[in-house]
């Protein structure tokens, strides 16, 4: 049983559940009917999961590095990191994949840590452009590599389930820092790694 006195960011759980009941009434339904009576609890639990990234500092995931890499200094790319986020304008899902690449400068990080950085930023209210930049800048700030590239591909449910109702549309954003921005050959190599057609 959830503790109704539980506080999160200065808001009690009871207040959060009451807010959901208000929205259910506003939508035209009865929050006391059998099918909805537990919905406020479930929604608040879901929010605790969906927005857990606010409690994380993504940079901490990158602080444990490895320097015994036999002088490896070529590009490292982690493709297809799946994520779910929520649009900060409509609170609708954003679902997609992130591709991360960097040029190490004497140290590397465990690949699961790159995925955790993506998760920490995705589990917040977001716009895709900001999330793309946040991921790249945190890697650059902590690892200090010779360059970072991040590409995000996602579909936005605020566009498919409301408003213009266009399905099958994806948005692509990128952020290139250091060698990925300054050297066209490095950028092209990174983008080739992301091309699954093998061209």
Protein backbone atom coordinates (compact mmCIF):
# COMPACT_ATOMS: atom_id res chain seq x y z
CA UNK A 1 0.00 0.00 0.00
CA UNK A 2 1.40 3.38 -1.02
CA UNK A 3 2.20 5.86 1.76
CA UNK A 4 -0.10 8.84 1.13
CA UNK A 5 2.22 11.06 3.22
CA UNK A 6 5.17 10.28 0.92
CA UNK A 7 6.73 13.52 -0.36
CA UNK A 8 8.47 13.98 -3.66
CA UNK A 9 9.81 17.36 -4.72
CA UNK A 10 7.62 19.05 -2.13
CA UNK A 11 4.41 17.38 -3.31
CA UNK A 12 2.65 14.73 -1.23
CA UNK A 13 1.47 11.54 -2.86
CA UNK A 14 -2.13 12.32 -1.85
CA UNK A 15 -1.90 15.65 -3.70
CA UNK A 16 -0.56 13.90 -6.81
CA UNK A 17 -3.32 11.28 -6.77
CA UNK A 18 -5.95 14.01 -6.25
CA UNK A 19 -4.58 15.81 -9.31
CA UNK A 20 -5.15 12.67 -11.39
CA UNK A 21 -8.72 12.40 -10.06
CA UNK A 22 -9.29 16.03 -11.10
CA UNK A 23 -8.11 15.28 -14.64
CA UNK A 24 -10.36 12.19 -14.82
CA UNK A 25 -13.36 14.31 -13.80
CA UNK A 26 -12.34 17.06 -16.25
CA UNK A 27 -12.20 14.45 -19.05
CA UNK A 28 -15.80 13.50 -18.25
CA UNK A 29 -15.49 10.31 -16.21
CA UNK A 30 -16.08 9.32 -12.60
CA UNK A 31 -12.84 8.60 -10.71
CA UNK A 32 -14.86 6.61 -8.14
CA UNK A 33 -16.12 4.03 -10.63
CA UNK A 34 -14.65 0.52 -10.38
CA UNK A 35 -12.40 0.72 -13.45
CA UNK A 36 -10.84 4.02 -12.39
CA UNK A 37 -10.72 3.80 -8.60
CA UNK A 38 -7.06 2.64 -8.59
CA UNK A 39 -6.01 4.70 -11.63
CA UNK A 40 -4.62 7.66 -9.62
CA UNK A 41 -2.33 5.32 -7.68
CA UNK A 42 -1.18 3.63 -10.88
CA UNK A 43 -0.56 6.94 -12.66
CA UNK A 44 1.51 8.29 -9.77
CA UNK A 45 3.54 5.05 -9.69
CA UNK A 46 4.08 5.32 -13.45
CA UNK A 47 5.25 8.93 -13.11
CA UNK A 48 7.74 7.82 -10.48
CA UNK A 49 9.23 5.45 -13.08
CA UNK A 50 8.90 7.62 -16.19
CA UNK A 51 10.53 10.65 -14.57
CA UNK A 52 13.13 8.95 -12.38
CA UNK A 53 15.86 10.75 -14.36
CA UNK A 54 15.40 13.88 -12.26
CA UNK A 55 16.93 12.00 -9.32
CA UNK A 56 20.02 11.00 -11.35
CA UNK A 57 23.15 12.94 -12.23
CA UNK A 58 24.04 11.46 -15.65
CA UNK A 59 27.64 12.63 -15.36
CA UNK A 60 28.23 10.32 -12.40
CA UNK A 61 27.80 7.31 -14.69
CA UNK A 62 30.79 8.47 -16.74
CA UNK A 63 33.22 9.02 -13.89
CA UNK A 64 34.49 5.42 -13.70
CA UNK A 65 36.80 5.08 -16.68
CA UNK A 66 39.42 2.63 -17.92
CA UNK A 67 42.86 3.66 -19.09
CA UNK A 68 44.39 0.25 -19.88
CA UNK A 69 43.23 0.13 -23.49
CA UNK A 70 46.57 -0.63 -25.23
CA UNK A 71 46.63 2.83 -26.78
CA UNK A 72 43.25 2.47 -28.48
CA UNK A 73 42.30 5.87 -29.88
CA UNK A 74 39.89 5.10 -32.71
CA UNK A 75 36.19 5.87 -32.74
CA UNK A 76 33.86 4.06 -30.33
CA UNK A 77 30.21 3.89 -31.39
CA UNK A 78 27.20 2.53 -29.51
CA UNK A 79 24.19 2.28 -31.81
CA UNK A 80 20.49 1.79 -31.25
CA UNK A 81 20.11 2.72 -27.58
CA UNK A 82 16.34 2.56 -27.26
CA UNK A 83 14.61 5.16 -25.10
CA UNK A 84 11.20 6.39 -24.04
CA UNK A 85 10.73 9.97 -22.97
CA UNK A 86 7.88 12.49 -22.69
CA UNK A 87 7.35 15.74 -24.55
CA UNK A 88 7.47 18.71 -22.21
CA UNK A 89 4.82 20.52 -24.27
CA UNK A 90 2.06 17.88 -24.23
CA UNK A 91 3.39 15.21 -21.81
CA UNK A 92 3.01 12.71 -24.67
CA UNK A 93 5.53 9.90 -25.29
CA UNK A 94 8.66 10.29 -27.41
CA UNK A 95 9.98 6.89 -28.46
CA UNK A 96 13.20 6.32 -30.35
CA UNK A 97 16.86 5.40 -30.51
CA UNK A 98 20.10 7.18 -29.71
CA UNK A 99 23.47 6.59 -31.39
CA UNK A 100 26.58 7.76 -29.52
CA UNK A 101 30.17 7.97 -30.75
CA UNK A 102 33.33 9.40 -29.26
CA UNK A 103 37.07 9.57 -29.93
CA UNK A 104 38.81 8.56 -26.68
CA UNK A 105 41.78 10.51 -25.41
CA UNK A 106 43.50 8.00 -23.16
CA UNK A 107 40.44 6.65 -21.35
CA UNK A 108 37.20 4.87 -22.18
CA UNK A 109 33.99 4.22 -20.29
CA UNK A 110 31.96 1.02 -20.00
CA UNK A 111 29.35 0.95 -22.76
CA UNK A 112 26.47 0.39 -20.34
CA UNK A 113 27.33 3.77 -18.82
CA UNK A 114 26.60 5.47 -22.14
CA UNK A 115 23.18 3.82 -22.18
CA UNK A 116 22.59 4.98 -18.59
CA UNK A 117 23.37 8.57 -19.56
CA UNK A 118 20.73 8.33 -22.30
CA UNK A 119 18.22 6.87 -19.81
CA UNK A 120 18.83 9.56 -17.22
CA UNK A 121 18.12 12.37 -19.68
CA UNK A 122 15.23 10.54 -21.37
CA UNK A 123 13.42 9.99 -18.06
CA UNK A 124 12.62 13.69 -17.77
CA UNK A 125 10.26 15.98 -19.63
CA UNK A 126 12.14 16.73 -22.83
CA UNK A 127 12.38 18.23 -26.24
CA UNK A 128 14.49 16.09 -28.54
CA UNK A 129 16.90 18.86 -29.49
CA UNK A 130 17.73 19.56 -25.84
CA UNK A 131 18.15 15.88 -24.97
CA UNK A 132 20.55 15.40 -27.92
CA UNK A 133 22.71 18.30 -26.73
CA UNK A 134 22.60 17.20 -23.07
CA UNK A 135 23.89 13.72 -23.88
CA UNK A 136 26.75 15.02 -26.04
CA UNK A 137 27.77 17.76 -23.61
CA UNK A 138 27.83 15.46 -20.57
CA UNK A 139 30.10 12.97 -22.39
CA UNK A 140 32.37 15.79 -23.54
CA UNK A 141 32.49 17.37 -20.08
CA UNK A 142 33.34 14.22 -18.10
CA UNK A 143 35.39 12.08 -20.51
CA UNK A 144 37.10 14.99 -22.32
CA UNK A 145 37.43 12.96 -25.54
CA UNK A 146 38.75 14.39 -28.80
CA UNK A 147 35.20 14.50 -30.08
CA UNK A 148 31.63 13.36 -29.50
CA UNK A 149 28.78 12.65 -31.87
CA UNK A 150 25.17 11.98 -30.88
CA UNK A 151 22.27 11.24 -33.26
CA UNK A 152 18.70 10.78 -32.00
CA UNK A 153 15.85 9.37 -34.09
CA UNK A 154 12.37 9.41 -32.54
CA UNK A 155 8.65 9.49 -33.13
CA UNK A 156 6.57 11.98 -31.17
CA UNK A 157 3.13 10.91 -30.02
CA UNK A 158 2.11 14.56 -29.61
CA UNK A 159 2.14 14.62 -33.42
CA UNK A 160 0.65 11.18 -34.09
CA UNK A 161 -2.19 11.01 -31.53
CA UNK A 162 -3.33 14.64 -31.53
CA UNK A 163 -3.10 17.79 -33.62
CA UNK A 164 -2.04 16.92 -37.16
CA UNK A 165 -2.34 13.11 -36.59
CA UNK A 166 0.58 12.11 -38.85
CA UNK A 167 1.91 8.59 -38.29
CA UNK A 168 5.17 7.10 -39.50
CA UNK A 169 7.04 10.39 -39.11
CA UNK A 170 10.35 10.41 -37.28
CA UNK A 171 12.54 13.32 -36.24
CA UNK A 172 16.33 13.18 -36.44
CA UNK A 173 18.62 15.46 -34.43
CA UNK A 174 22.38 15.48 -34.03
CA UNK A 175 25.03 17.15 -31.93
CA UNK A 176 28.68 17.05 -32.99
CA UNK A 177 31.50 18.30 -30.76
CA UNK A 178 35.28 18.48 -31.18
CA UNK A 179 36.63 16.30 -33.98
CA UNK A 180 33.13 15.25 -35.04
CA UNK A 181 32.27 18.89 -35.75
CA UNK A 182 35.61 20.11 -37.07
CA UNK A 183 36.65 17.16 -39.25
CA UNK A 184 34.29 16.21 -42.07
CA UNK A 185 35.98 12.80 -42.48
CA UNK A 186 35.44 11.92 -38.81
CA UNK A 187 31.81 12.99 -39.03
CA UNK A 188 31.32 10.97 -42.24
CA UNK A 189 32.90 7.89 -40.65
CA UNK A 190 30.55 8.16 -37.68
CA UNK A 191 27.50 8.49 -39.93
CA UNK A 192 28.67 5.48 -41.98
CA UNK A 193 28.68 3.40 -38.79
CA UNK A 194 25.02 4.33 -38.38
CA UNK A 195 24.10 3.35 -41.94
CA UNK A 196 22.82 -0.23 -41.65
CA UNK A 197 22.63 -0.68 -45.43
CA UNK A 198 26.41 -1.17 -45.48
CA UNK A 199 26.99 1.40 -48.21
